[in-house]
C-alpha atoms as a PDB file:
ATOM      1  CA  MET A   1      71.933 118.003 111.291  1.00  0.00           C
ATOM      2  CA  ILE A   2      73.397 121.169 109.787  1.00  0.00           C
ATOM      3  CA  PRO A   3      71.762 122.745 106.674  1.00  0.00           C
ATOM      4  CA  VAL A   4      73.791 123.013 103.498  1.00  0.00           C
ATOM      5  CA  ASN A   5      74.788 126.530 102.452  1.00  0.00           C
ATOM      6  CA  SER A   6      75.022 127.432  98.769  1.00  0.00           C
ATOM      7  CA  LEU A   7      78.284 126.451  97.127  1.00  0.00           C
ATOM      8  CA  PRO A   8      80.607 128.756  95.144  1.00  0.00           C
ATOM      9  CA  TRP A   9      79.633 129.159  91.493  1.00  0.00           C
ATOM     10  CA  ARG A  10      82.074 126.563  90.260  1.00  0.00           C
ATOM     11  CA  MET A  11      80.881 123.992  92.751  1.00  0.00           C
ATOM     12  CA  GLU A  12      77.215 124.248  91.737  1.00  0.00           C
ATOM     13  CA  ARG A  13      77.912 122.202  88.624  1.00  0.00           C
ATOM     14  CA  SER A  14      79.028 119.158  90.619  1.00  0.00           C
ATOM     15  CA  ASN A  15      76.955 116.027  90.146  1.00  0.00           C
ATOM     16  CA  SER A  16      77.412 115.119  93.801  1.00  0.00           C
ATOM     17  CA  VAL A  17      74.368 115.185  96.083  1.00  0.00           C
ATOM     18  CA  ASN A  18      74.315 117.913  98.734  1.00  0.00           C
ATOM     19  CA  LYS A  19      75.311 116.326 102.038  1.00  0.00           C
ATOM     20  CA  GLU A  20      75.092 117.611 105.568  1.00  0.00           C
ATOM     21  CA  LEU A  21      77.635 117.147 108.346  1.00  0.00           C
ATOM     22  CA  ASN A  22      76.983 114.240 110.681  1.00  0.00           C
ATOM     23  CA  GLU A  23      78.267 113.761 114.220  1.00  0.00           C
ATOM     24  CA  ASP A  24      81.401 111.966 113.023  1.00  0.00           C
ATOM     25  CA  ASP A  25      82.166 114.897 110.723  1.00  0.00           C
ATOM     26  CA  ILE A  26      81.783 117.370 113.580  1.00  0.00           C
ATOM     27  CA  GLN A  27      84.332 115.447 115.644  1.00  0.00           C
ATOM     28  CA  ARG A  28      86.728 114.715 112.771  1.00  0.00           C
ATOM     29  CA  TYR A  29      86.848 118.287 111.427  1.00  0.00           C
ATOM     30  CA  LYS A  30      86.536 120.223 114.687  1.00  0.00           C
ATOM     31  CA  ARG A  31      89.891 121.979 114.092  1.00  0.00           C
ATOM     32  CA  HIS A  32      88.627 123.137 110.694  1.00  0.00           C
ATOM     33  CA  ILE A  33      85.304 124.206 112.134  1.00  0.00           C
ATOM     34  CA  SER A  34      87.123 126.313 114.746  1.00  0.00           C
ATOM     35  CA  LEU A  35      88.654 128.429 111.957  1.00  0.00           C
ATOM     36  CA  LYS A  36      86.554 131.470 111.091  1.00  0.00           C
ATOM     37  CA  GLU A  37      87.590 131.064 107.439  1.00  0.00           C
ATOM     38  CA  ILE A  38      86.011 127.583 107.338  1.00  0.00           C
ATOM     39  CA  GLY A  39      83.505 126.913 110.090  1.00  0.00           C
ATOM     40  CA  ILE A  40      80.555 124.596 109.521  1.00  0.00           C
ATOM     41  CA  PRO A  41      79.498 126.207 106.200  1.00  0.00           C
ATOM     42  CA  GLY A  42      82.999 125.801 104.796  1.00  0.00           C
ATOM     43  CA  GLN A  43      83.290 122.192 105.889  1.00  0.00           C
ATOM     44  CA  ILE A  44      79.969 121.440 104.203  1.00  0.00           C
ATOM     45  CA  LYS A  45      81.346 122.945 100.993  1.00  0.00           C
ATOM     46  CA  LEU A  46      84.368 120.664 101.242  1.00  0.00           C
ATOM     47  CA  LYS A  47      82.145 117.632 101.810  1.00  0.00           C
ATOM     48  CA  ASN A  48      80.065 118.463  98.734  1.00  0.00           C
ATOM     49  CA  SER A  49      83.048 119.021  96.445  1.00  0.00           C
ATOM     50  CA  SER A  50      84.901 116.652  94.137  1.00  0.00           C
ATOM     51  CA  VAL A  51      88.494 116.593  92.883  1.00  0.00           C
ATOM     52  CA  LEU A  52      90.166 114.439  90.242  1.00  0.00           C
ATOM     53  CA  PHE A  53      93.860 113.718  90.805  1.00  0.00           C
ATOM     54  CA  VAL A  54      95.822 112.896  87.662  1.00  0.00           C
ATOM     55  CA  GLY A  55      98.585 110.667  88.982  1.00  0.00           C
ATOM     56  CA  ALA A  56      99.159 108.898  92.304  1.00  0.00           C
ATOM     57  CA  GLY A  57     102.921 109.356  92.385  1.00  0.00           C
ATOM     58  CA  GLY A  58     105.080 111.838  94.270  1.00  0.00           C
ATOM     59  CA  LEU A  59     102.863 114.912  93.961  1.00  0.00           C
ATOM     60  CA  GLY A  60      99.661 112.907  94.139  1.00  0.00           C
ATOM     61  CA  SER A  61     100.664 111.063  97.302  1.00  0.00           C
ATOM     62  CA  SER A  62     100.724 114.073  99.614  1.00  0.00           C
ATOM     63  CA  SER A  63      98.016 116.002  97.766  1.00  0.00           C
ATOM     64  CA  ILE A  64      95.553 113.102  97.842  1.00  0.00           C
ATOM     65  CA  LEU A  65      96.245 112.320 101.506  1.00  0.00           C
ATOM     66  CA  TYR A  66      95.672 115.886 102.669  1.00  0.00           C
ATOM     67  CA  ALA A  67      92.601 116.319 100.463  1.00  0.00           C
ATOM     68  CA  SER A  68      90.992 113.210 101.943  1.00  0.00           C
ATOM     69  CA  ALA A  69      91.981 114.229 105.467  1.00  0.00           C
ATOM     70  CA  ALA A  70      90.476 117.690 104.871  1.00  0.00           C
ATOM     71  CA  GLY A  71      87.107 116.165 104.036  1.00  0.00           C
ATOM     72  CA  ILE A  72      86.840 116.529 100.267  1.00  0.00           C
ATOM     73  CA  GLY A  73      83.698 114.481  99.673  1.00  0.00           C
ATOM     74  CA  ARG A  74      84.558 112.758  96.397  1.00  0.00           C
ATOM     75  CA  ILE A  75      88.066 111.964  95.212  1.00  0.00           C
ATOM     76  CA  GLY A  76      88.954 110.557  91.818  1.00  0.00           C
ATOM     77  CA  ILE A  77      92.355 109.111  90.903  1.00  0.00           C
ATOM     78  CA  ILE A  78      93.586 108.141  87.452  1.00  0.00           C
ATOM     79  CA  ASP A  79      96.895 106.296  87.031  1.00  0.00           C
ATOM     80  CA  ASP A  80      97.964 103.175  85.147  1.00  0.00           C
ATOM     81  CA  ASP A  81     101.259 102.490  86.951  1.00  0.00           C
ATOM     82  CA  GLN A  82     102.167  99.921  89.590  1.00  0.00           C
ATOM     83  CA  VAL A  83     103.992 100.548  92.857  1.00  0.00           C
ATOM     84  CA  GLU A  84     107.757 100.048  92.608  1.00  0.00           C
ATOM     85  CA  GLU A  85     110.359 100.054  95.352  1.00  0.00           C
ATOM     86  CA  SER A  86     112.021 103.196  93.989  1.00  0.00           C
ATOM     87  CA  ASN A  87     108.680 105.033  94.412  1.00  0.00           C
ATOM     88  CA  LEU A  88     108.651 104.697  98.194  1.00  0.00           C
ATOM     89  CA  GLN A  89     111.299 107.407  98.684  1.00  0.00           C
ATOM     90  CA  ARG A  90     108.681 110.070  97.874  1.00  0.00           C
ATOM     91  CA  GLN A  91     105.317 108.437  97.086  1.00  0.00           C
ATOM     92  CA  VAL A  92     104.243 108.193 100.713  1.00  0.00           C
ATOM     93  CA  ILE A  93     100.670 107.098 100.047  1.00  0.00           C
ATOM     94  CA  HIS A  94     102.050 103.646  99.152  1.00  0.00           C
ATOM     95  CA  ASN A  95     103.965 101.154 101.304  1.00  0.00           C
ATOM     96  CA  ILE A  96     106.134  98.086 100.863  1.00  0.00           C
ATOM     97  CA  ASN A  97     103.147  95.744 101.067  1.00  0.00           C
ATOM     98  CA  GLU A  98     101.735  97.281  97.879  1.00  0.00           C
ATOM     99  CA  LEU A  99     104.762  96.583  95.645  1.00  0.00           C
ATOM    100  CA  GLY A 100     103.647  95.393  92.220  1.00  0.00           C
ATOM    101  CA  LYS A 101     100.030  96.466  92.796  1.00  0.00           C
ATOM    102  CA  ASN A 102      98.167  99.215  90.959  1.00  0.00           C
ATOM    103  CA  LYS A 103      98.820 102.671  92.388  1.00  0.00           C
ATOM    104  CA  THR A 104      95.120 103.481  92.152  1.00  0.00           C
ATOM    105  CA  ASP A 105      94.192 100.496  94.360  1.00  0.00           C
ATOM    106  CA  SER A 106      96.985 101.271  96.815  1.00  0.00           C
ATOM    107  CA  ALA A 107      95.972 104.940  97.054  1.00  0.00           C
ATOM    108  CA  ALA A 108      92.266 104.143  97.458  1.00  0.00           C
ATOM    109  CA  LYS A 109      93.037 101.694 100.256  1.00  0.00           C
ATOM    110  CA  ARG A 110      95.119 104.311 102.117  1.00  0.00           C
ATOM    111  CA  ILE A 111      92.449 107.009 101.685  1.00  0.00           C
ATOM    112  CA  LEU A 112      89.756 104.835 103.225  1.00  0.00           C
ATOM    113  CA  GLU A 113      92.050 103.892 106.095  1.00  0.00           C
ATOM    114  CA  LEU A 114      92.523 107.590 106.791  1.00  0.00           C
ATOM    115  CA  ASN A 115      88.981 108.760 106.116  1.00  0.00           C
ATOM    116  CA  PRO A 116      86.301 106.118 105.412  1.00  0.00           C
ATOM    117  CA  ASN A 117      83.777 108.897 104.753  1.00  0.00           C
ATOM    118  CA  CYS A 118      85.425 109.750 101.419  1.00  0.00           C
ATOM    119  CA  ASP A 119      83.793 108.564  98.219  1.00  0.00           C
ATOM    120  CA  VAL A 120      86.709 107.295  96.108  1.00  0.00           C
ATOM    121  CA  LYS A 121      86.531 106.578  92.379  1.00  0.00           C
ATOM    122  CA  ILE A 122      89.570 105.109  90.629  1.00  0.00           C
ATOM    123  CA  PHE A 123      90.484 104.860  86.960  1.00  0.00           C
ATOM    124  CA  THR A 124      93.262 102.308  86.426  1.00  0.00           C
ATOM    125  CA  GLU A 125      94.198 103.473  82.964  1.00  0.00           C
ATOM    126  CA  ARG A 126      96.341 106.024  81.192  1.00  0.00           C
ATOM    127  CA  LEU A 127      94.676 109.332  80.500  1.00  0.00           C
ATOM    128  CA  ASN A 128      94.446 109.807  76.738  1.00  0.00           C
ATOM    129  CA  ILE A 129      92.624 111.789  74.088  1.00  0.00           C
ATOM    130  CA  LYS A 130      89.794 109.240  73.998  1.00  0.00           C
ATOM    131  CA  ASN A 131      88.927 109.174  77.709  1.00  0.00           C
ATOM    132  CA  VAL A 132      90.046 112.541  79.084  1.00  0.00           C
ATOM    133  CA  LEU A 133      86.794 114.506  78.683  1.00  0.00           C
ATOM    134  CA  GLN A 134      84.638 111.679  80.023  1.00  0.00           C
ATOM    135  CA  THR A 135      86.943 111.194  83.025  1.00  0.00           C
ATOM    136  CA  ILE A 136      87.166 114.851  83.993  1.00  0.00           C
ATOM    137  CA  LYS A 137      83.624 116.057  83.361  1.00  0.00           C
ATOM    138  CA  ASP A 138      82.028 114.910  86.645  1.00  0.00           C
ATOM    139  CA  PHE A 139      84.616 116.550  88.942  1.00  0.00           C
ATOM    140  CA  ASP A 140      84.659 120.148  90.171  1.00  0.00           C
ATOM    141  CA  ILE A 141      88.432 120.615  90.181  1.00  0.00           C
ATOM    142  CA  VAL A 142      91.331 118.819  88.500  1.00  0.00           C
ATOM    143  CA  CYS A 143      94.717 118.466  90.212  1.00  0.00           C
ATOM    144  CA  ASP A 144      97.545 117.654  87.810  1.00  0.00           C
ATOM    145  CA  CYS A 145     100.061 115.432  89.594  1.00  0.00           C
ATOM    146  CA  SER A 146     101.470 113.905  86.410  1.00  0.00           C
ATOM    147  CA  ASP A 147     105.160 113.695  85.538  1.00  0.00           C
ATOM    148  CA  ASN A 148     105.306 114.303  81.785  1.00  0.00           C
ATOM    149  CA  PHE A 149     104.412 117.096  79.397  1.00  0.00           C
ATOM    150  CA  GLY A 150     102.159 114.990  77.184  1.00  0.00           C
ATOM    151  CA  THR A 151      99.715 114.411  80.036  1.00  0.00           C
ATOM    152  CA  ARG A 152     100.033 117.969  81.318  1.00  0.00           C
ATOM    153  CA  TYR A 153      99.005 119.498  77.997  1.00  0.00           C
ATOM    154  CA  LEU A 154      96.179 116.999  77.569  1.00  0.00           C
ATOM    155  CA  VAL A 155      94.776 117.790  81.033  1.00  0.00           C
ATOM    156  CA  ASN A 156      95.236 121.529  80.499  1.00  0.00           C
ATOM    157  CA  ASP A 157      93.321 121.542  77.212  1.00  0.00           C
ATOM    158  CA  ALA A 158      90.536 119.295  78.510  1.00  0.00           C
ATOM    159  CA  CYS A 159      90.046 121.627  81.489  1.00  0.00           C
ATOM    160  CA  ILE A 160      89.746 124.585  79.107  1.00  0.00           C
ATOM    161  CA  ILE A 161      87.100 122.792  77.058  1.00  0.00           C
ATOM    162  CA  LEU A 162      85.132 121.768  80.178  1.00  0.00           C
ATOM    163  CA  SER A 163      85.747 125.023  82.138  1.00  0.00           C
ATOM    164  CA  LYS A 164      87.419 123.266  85.060  1.00  0.00           C
ATOM    165  CA  PRO A 165      89.972 124.881  87.401  1.00  0.00           C
ATOM    166  CA  LEU A 166      93.352 123.131  87.136  1.00  0.00           C
ATOM    167  CA  ILE A 167      95.929 122.934  89.928  1.00  0.00           C
ATOM    168  CA  PHE A 168      99.378 122.648  88.370  1.00  0.00           C
ATOM    169  CA  GLY A 169     102.460 121.297  90.133  1.00  0.00           C
ATOM    170  CA  SER A 170     105.915 120.314  88.956  1.00  0.00           C
ATOM    171  CA  VAL A 171     109.168 119.286  90.643  1.00  0.00           C
ATOM    172  CA  GLN A 172     112.724 118.458  89.683  1.00  0.00           C
ATOM    173  CA  GLY A 173     115.632 117.923  92.022  1.00  0.00           C
ATOM    174  CA  PHE A 174     115.258 120.424  94.884  1.00  0.00           C
ATOM    175  CA  GLU A 175     113.050 122.816  92.908  1.00  0.00           C
ATOM    176  CA  GLY A 176     109.302 123.050  92.403  1.00  0.00           C
ATOM    177  CA  GLN A 177     106.608 125.157  90.751  1.00  0.00           C
ATOM    178  CA  LEU A 178     102.932 125.656  91.545  1.00  0.00           C
ATOM    179  CA  SER A 179     100.084 127.540  89.877  1.00  0.00           C
ATOM    180  CA  VAL A 180      96.313 127.563  89.312  1.00  0.00           C
ATOM    181  CA  PHE A 181      95.147 127.571  85.696  1.00  0.00           C
ATOM    182  CA  ASN A 182      91.772 128.270  84.103  1.00  0.00           C
ATOM    183  CA  LEU A 183      90.023 129.465  87.265  1.00  0.00           C
ATOM    184  CA  ASN A 184      87.931 131.844  85.165  1.00  0.00           C
ATOM    185  CA  LYS A 185      87.713 133.015  81.552  1.00  0.00           C
ATOM    186  CA  ASN A 186      90.592 135.493  82.000  1.00  0.00           C
ATOM    187  CA  SER A 187      92.895 133.062  83.815  1.00  0.00           C
ATOM    188  CA  PRO A 188      96.148 131.916  82.181  1.00  0.00           C
ATOM    189  CA  THR A 189      96.764 128.274  81.312  1.00  0.00           C
ATOM    190  CA  LEU A 190      99.748 125.973  80.846  1.00  0.00           C
ATOM    191  CA  ARG A 191     100.040 127.242  77.264  1.00  0.00           C
ATOM    192  CA  ASP A 192     100.666 130.745  78.604  1.00  0.00           C
ATOM    193  CA  LEU A 193     103.480 129.447  80.797  1.00  0.00           C
ATOM    194  CA  ILE A 194     104.961 127.095  78.165  1.00  0.00           C
ATOM    195  CA  PRO A 195     103.356 127.749  74.751  1.00  0.00           C
ATOM    196  CA  VAL A 196     105.014 124.813  72.974  1.00  0.00           C
ATOM    197  CA  PRO A 197     105.757 121.419  74.559  1.00  0.00           C
ATOM    198  CA  PRO A 198     109.530 120.978  74.965  1.00  0.00           C
ATOM    199  CA  GLN A 199     111.272 118.143  73.193  1.00  0.00           C
ATOM    200  CA  ASN A 200     111.672 115.007  75.310  1.00  0.00           C
ATOM    201  CA  THR A 201     115.441 115.077  74.892  1.00  0.00           C
ATOM    202  CA  LEU A 202     115.593 118.513  76.551  1.00  0.00           C
ATOM    203  CA  ILE A 203     113.726 117.512  79.728  1.00  0.00           C
ATOM    204  CA  PRO A 204     115.401 114.870  81.912  1.00  0.00           C
ATOM    205  CA  SER A 205     113.102 112.521  83.799  1.00  0.00           C
ATOM    206  CA  CYS A 206     113.192 111.910  87.552  1.00  0.00           C
ATOM    207  CA  ASP A 207     115.197 108.748  86.827  1.00  0.00           C
ATOM    208  CA  GLN A 208     117.845 110.780  85.021  1.00  0.00           C
ATOM    209  CA  PHE A 209     117.869 114.005  87.046  1.00  0.00           C
ATOM    210  CA  GLY A 210     116.659 112.786  90.422  1.00  0.00           C
ATOM    211  CA  VAL A 211     114.232 114.346  92.885  1.00  0.00           C
ATOM    212  CA  ILE A 212     114.240 114.788  96.652  1.00  0.00           C
ATOM    213  CA  GLY A 213     111.105 113.395  98.228  1.00  0.00           C
ATOM    214  CA  VAL A 214     110.503 116.520 100.311  1.00  0.00           C
ATOM    215  CA  SER A 215     109.940 118.630  97.184  1.00  0.00           C
ATOM    216  CA  THR A 216     107.124 116.410  95.888  1.00  0.00           C
ATOM    217  CA  GLY A 217     105.573 116.381  99.352  1.00  0.00           C
ATOM    218  CA  LEU A 218     105.695 120.156  99.690  1.00  0.00           C
ATOM    219  CA  ILE A 219     104.264 120.924  96.253  1.00  0.00           C
ATOM    220  CA  GLY A 220     101.574 118.268  96.706  1.00  0.00           C
ATOM    221  CA  VAL A 221     100.462 119.771 100.016  1.00  0.00           C
ATOM    222  CA  LEU A 222     100.408 123.257  98.458  1.00  0.00           C
ATOM    223  CA  GLN A 223      98.285 121.916  95.604  1.00  0.00           C
ATOM    224  CA  THR A 224      95.710 120.756  98.153  1.00  0.00           C
ATOM    225  CA  ASN A 225      95.894 124.147  99.848  1.00  0.00           C
ATOM    226  CA  GLU A 226      94.904 125.807  96.548  1.00  0.00           C
ATOM    227  CA  ILE A 227      92.062 123.284  96.138  1.00  0.00           C
ATOM    228  CA  ILE A 228      90.692 124.164  99.578  1.00  0.00           C
ATOM    229  CA  LYS A 229      90.943 127.923  98.918  1.00  0.00           C
ATOM    230  CA  ILE A 230      89.056 127.552  95.628  1.00  0.00           C
ATOM    231  CA  ILE A 231      86.267 125.534  97.252  1.00  0.00           C
ATOM    232  CA  LEU A 232      85.962 127.963 100.157  1.00  0.00           C
ATOM    233  CA  ASN A 233      86.524 131.022  97.952  1.00  0.00           C
ATOM    234  CA  LYS A 234      89.012 132.293 100.542  1.00  0.00           C
ATOM    235  CA  GLY A 235      92.482 133.790 100.450  1.00  0.00           C
ATOM    236  CA  GLU A 236      94.693 134.742  97.525  1.00  0.00           C
ATOM    237  CA  ILE A 237      94.565 131.951  94.966  1.00  0.00           C
ATOM    238  CA  LEU A 238      97.551 131.418  92.643  1.00  0.00           C
ATOM    239  CA  ASP A 239      95.506 132.516  89.639  1.00  0.00           C
ATOM    240  CA  GLY A 240      97.802 134.456  87.312  1.00  0.00           C
ATOM    241  CA  LYS A 241     100.749 133.654  89.580  1.00  0.00           C
ATOM    242  CA  ILE A 242     103.359 130.926  89.609  1.00  0.00           C
ATOM    243  CA  LEU A 243     105.123 130.017  92.845  1.00  0.00           C
ATOM    244  CA  VAL A 244     108.734 128.881  92.471  1.00  0.00           C
ATOM    245  CA  PHE A 245     110.895 127.518  95.273  1.00  0.00           C
ATOM    246  CA  ASN A 246     114.318 126.011  95.841  1.00  0.00           C
ATOM    247  CA  LEU A 247     114.781 123.806  98.892  1.00  0.00           C
ATOM    248  CA  LEU A 248     118.571 124.067  98.906  1.00  0.00           C
ATOM    249  CA  ASP A 249     118.597 127.766  99.756  1.00  0.00           C
ATOM    250  CA  LEU A 250     114.918 127.983 100.883  1.00  0.00           C
ATOM    251  CA  SER A 251     114.239 130.736  98.364  1.00  0.00           C
ATOM    252  CA  MET A 252     110.672 131.273  97.236  1.00  0.00           C
ATOM    253  CA  LYS A 253     109.185 133.776  94.811  1.00  0.00           C
ATOM    254  CA  LYS A 254     105.894 134.488  93.047  1.00  0.00           C
ATOM    255  CA  LEU A 255     105.932 135.472  89.403  1.00  0.00           C
ATOM    256  CA  ASN A 256     103.106 137.046  87.412  1.00  0.00           C
ATOM    257  CA  LEU A 257     101.563 135.093  84.550  1.00  0.00           C
ATOM    258  CA  LYS A 258      99.122 136.594  82.031  1.00  0.00           C
ATOM    259  CA  LEU A 259      96.629 135.101  79.600  1.00  0.00           C
ATOM    260  CA  ASN A 260      98.089 135.332  76.104  1.00  0.00           C
ATOM    261  CA  SER A 261      96.653 132.282  74.353  1.00  0.00           C
ATOM    262  CA  ASP A 262      93.224 132.023  72.757  1.00  0.00           C
ATOM    263  CA  LYS A 263      91.240 129.481  74.765  1.00  0.00           C
ATOM    264  CA  SER A 264      88.486 129.369  72.174  1.00  0.00           C
ATOM    265  CA  ILE A 265      90.669 127.575  69.605  1.00  0.00           C
ATOM    266  CA  ILE A 266      91.600 124.591  71.805  1.00  0.00           C
ATOM    267  CA  ASP A 267      90.846 121.367  69.948  1.00  0.00           C
ATOM    268  CA  LEU A 268      92.072 118.014  71.247  1.00  0.00           C
ATOM    269  CA  THR A 269      92.222 116.418  67.815  1.00  0.00           C
ATOM    270  CA  SER A 270      94.237 119.167  66.164  1.00  0.00           C
ATOM    271  CA  SER A 271      96.587 119.372  69.153  1.00  0.00           C
ATOM    272  CA  GLN A 272      97.060 115.603  69.429  1.00  0.00           C
ATOM    273  CA  GLN A 273     100.802 115.737  68.711  1.00  0.00           C
ATOM    274  CA  ASP A 274     101.280 117.811  71.893  1.00  0.00           C
ATOM    275  CA  TYR A 275      99.991 114.887  73.953  1.00  0.00           C
ATOM    276  CA  ILE A 276     102.516 112.370  72.682  1.00  0.00           C
ATOM    277  CA  SER A 277     105.674 112.214  74.751  1.00  0.00           C
ATOM    278  CA  GLU A 278     108.239 109.701  75.875  1.00  0.00           C
ATOM    279  CA  ASN A 279     106.144 108.934  78.947  1.00  0.00           C
ATOM    280  CA  CYS A 280     102.668 109.537  77.473  1.00  0.00           C
ATOM    281  CA  SER A 281     102.464 107.498  74.310  1.00  0.00           C
ATOM    282  CA  SER A 282      99.418 107.122  72.114  1.00  0.00           C
ATOM    283  CA  ILE A 283     100.668 103.714  70.973  1.00  0.00           C
ATOM    284  CA  GLU A 284      98.612 101.252  72.998  1.00  0.00           C
ATOM    285  CA  ASN A 285     100.072  97.942  71.820  1.00  0.00           C
ATOM    286  CA  ILE A 286     103.495  98.314  73.448  1.00  0.00           C
ATOM    287  CA  GLN A 287     103.879  95.993  76.419  1.00  0.00           C
ATOM    288  CA  LYS A 288     105.462  97.423  79.569  1.00  0.00           C
ATOM    289  CA  ILE A 289     106.642  95.957  82.833  1.00  0.00           C
ATOM    290  CA  SER A 290     107.526  97.677  86.086  1.00  0.00           C
ATOM    291  CA  ASP A 291     110.948  97.702  87.744  1.00  0.00           C
ATOM    292  CA  PHE A 292     109.529  95.294  90.318  1.00  0.00           C
ATOM    293  CA  GLU A 293     108.431  92.808  87.651  1.00  0.00           C
ATOM    294  CA  PHE A 294     111.694  93.136  85.729  1.00  0.00           C
ATOM    295  CA  LYS A 295     113.785  92.355  88.815  1.00  0.00           C
ATOM    296  CA  LYS A 296     111.918  89.074  89.271  1.00  0.00           C
ATOM    297  CA  ILE A 297     112.495  88.119  85.620  1.00  0.00           C
ATOM    298  CA  HIS A 298     116.139  89.181  85.732  1.00  0.00           C
ATOM    299  CA  LYS A 299     116.819  87.069  88.825  1.00  0.00           C
ATOM    300  CA  ASN A 300     115.384  83.986  87.120  1.00  0.00           C
ATOM    301  CA  LYS A 301     118.563  82.546  85.569  1.00  0.00           C
ATOM    302  CA  SER A 302     116.604  79.908  83.656  1.00  0.00           C
ATOM    303  CA  ARG A 303     115.174  82.562  81.369  1.00  0.00           C
ATOM    304  CA  LYS A 304     117.529  84.079  78.818  1.00  0.00           C
ATOM    305  CA  ILE A 305     116.814  87.726  78.140  1.00  0.00           C
ATOM    306  CA  MET A 306     118.586  90.386  76.123  1.00  0.00           C
ATOM    307  CA  ILE A 307     118.584  93.907  77.528  1.00  0.00           C
ATOM    308  CA  LEU A 308     119.011  96.758  75.053  1.00  0.00           C
ATOM    309  CA  ASP A 309     119.799 100.088  76.748  1.00  0.00           C
ATOM    310  CA  VAL A 310     118.798 102.949  74.417  1.00  0.00           C
ATOM    311  CA  ARG A 311     120.302 105.737  76.524  1.00  0.00           C
ATOM    312  CA  GLU A 312     123.287 107.640  75.203  1.00  0.00           C
ATOM    313  CA  LYS A 313     126.845 106.515  76.016  1.00  0.00           C
ATOM    314  CA  ASP A 314     127.407 108.795  79.031  1.00  0.00           C
ATOM    315  CA  GLU A 315     124.156 107.688  80.694  1.00  0.00           C
ATOM    316  CA  PHE A 316     124.866 104.053  79.870  1.00  0.00           C
ATOM    317  CA  LYS A 317     128.236 104.218  81.675  1.00  0.00           C
ATOM    318  CA  LYS A 318     126.582 105.621  84.815  1.00  0.00           C
ATOM    319  CA  PHE A 319     123.338 103.671  85.073  1.00  0.00           C
ATOM    320  CA  SER A 320     123.497 100.505  82.957  1.00  0.00           C
ATOM    321  CA  ILE A 321     122.437  97.073  84.188  1.00  0.00           C
ATOM    322  CA  GLN A 322     125.219  94.492  84.156  1.00  0.00           C
ATOM    323  CA  GLY A 323     125.107  92.490  80.929  1.00  0.00           C
ATOM    324  CA  SER A 324     122.992  95.010  79.026  1.00  0.00           C
ATOM    325  CA  ILE A 325     123.880  96.098  75.496  1.00  0.00           C
ATOM    326  CA  SER A 326     124.298  99.754  74.588  1.00  0.00           C
ATOM    327  CA  MET A 327     122.124 100.771  71.639  1.00  0.00           C
ATOM    328  CA  PRO A 328     121.741 104.598  71.740  1.00  0.00           C
ATOM    329  CA  LEU A 329     118.403 105.941  70.571  1.00  0.00           C
ATOM    330  CA  SER A 330     120.178 108.442  68.330  1.00  0.00           C
ATOM    331  CA  LEU A 331     121.637 105.481  66.418  1.00  0.00           C
ATOM    332  CA  LEU A 332     118.324 103.623  66.271  1.00  0.00           C
ATOM    333  CA  ASN A 333     116.595 106.677  64.858  1.00  0.00           C
ATOM    334  CA  LYS A 334     118.928 106.469  61.885  1.00  0.00           C
ATOM    335  CA  LYS A 335     118.871 102.678  61.482  1.00  0.00           C
ATOM    336  CA  SER A 336     115.829 101.242  63.187  1.00  0.00           C
ATOM    337  CA  SER A 337     115.425  97.785  61.631  1.00  0.00           C
ATOM    338  CA  PHE A 338     115.702  94.589  63.664  1.00  0.00           C
ATOM    339  CA  GLU A 339     118.254  93.327  61.117  1.00  0.00           C
ATOM    340  CA  PHE A 340     120.519  96.192  62.133  1.00  0.00           C
ATOM    341  CA  ILE A 341     120.153  95.271  65.819  1.00  0.00           C
ATOM    342  CA  GLU A 342     120.863  91.592  65.144  1.00  0.00           C
ATOM    343  CA  LYS A 343     124.031  92.375  63.235  1.00  0.00           C
ATOM    344  CA  THR A 344     125.219  94.808  65.917  1.00  0.00           C
ATOM    345  CA  VAL A 345     124.674  92.567  68.946  1.00  0.00           C
END
């Protein structure tokens, strides 16, 4: 058995028990061990580290897979969505047999198929102001693989409060961004990059704008690369830098980012409005169904359903479901009563 070397300062706070490499580890990670930057001491650090992934979608799929393959000892995943057919174009951790199932269960199953030595903890729920600190506190590093600004700001602020490094990733279309926030007390955060959350109407979703699967895969893999560098304390970490790329022309550039915000004033309660977005709602009593579930209901001709499409006219013309009724959100915001809807339809 190989003795455990001391971990980097951030890793010492992990609640995980120090573990040594066994014979299976030596065989599995022999290509890592051959690297002078990793070796046996580095692989032990990876085994004794823990990472929480916020989201098991496009970014999370590749990041989680490569983190588990690399030998990260404890992996946490929080996500409340189910696997849909439209996910499979980019969310490669899932497969067609998992349609309709929780993404957390699907991801955990795939991790253990790839590396049964990983300790996997799943949270099948939406991250919110009530559970965020409790969920994050026992992990060394947080990797933000979410797809909306409400969750991103919530994770960012929780990491500041708990002094956790945050790996940030974002994609849209053929473009992507990557950075490391809150690595130390002088490190910038999401609020230095984007001080105020943008309005939902200004940021199109993946459904509206589209995304090529390769971009989520690339950014996800690079997120794991930053995780590994932080654990090993090797290389140039994207602390105070933001990496931007465009896959159409293969351009890539690094931009400087400085700490301008006051971390000491972060308060989840006072900032609560920042965490409410179109895709990250604090209203818990709204029932949702997935695309997969809706298709089954829609095909059942014995059930009469009314579909109200709240997108604006241009979007309705391009993407509407046959038989749906156009009811633009801009109109509902002015006249939101059910009586108004009944009279209109």
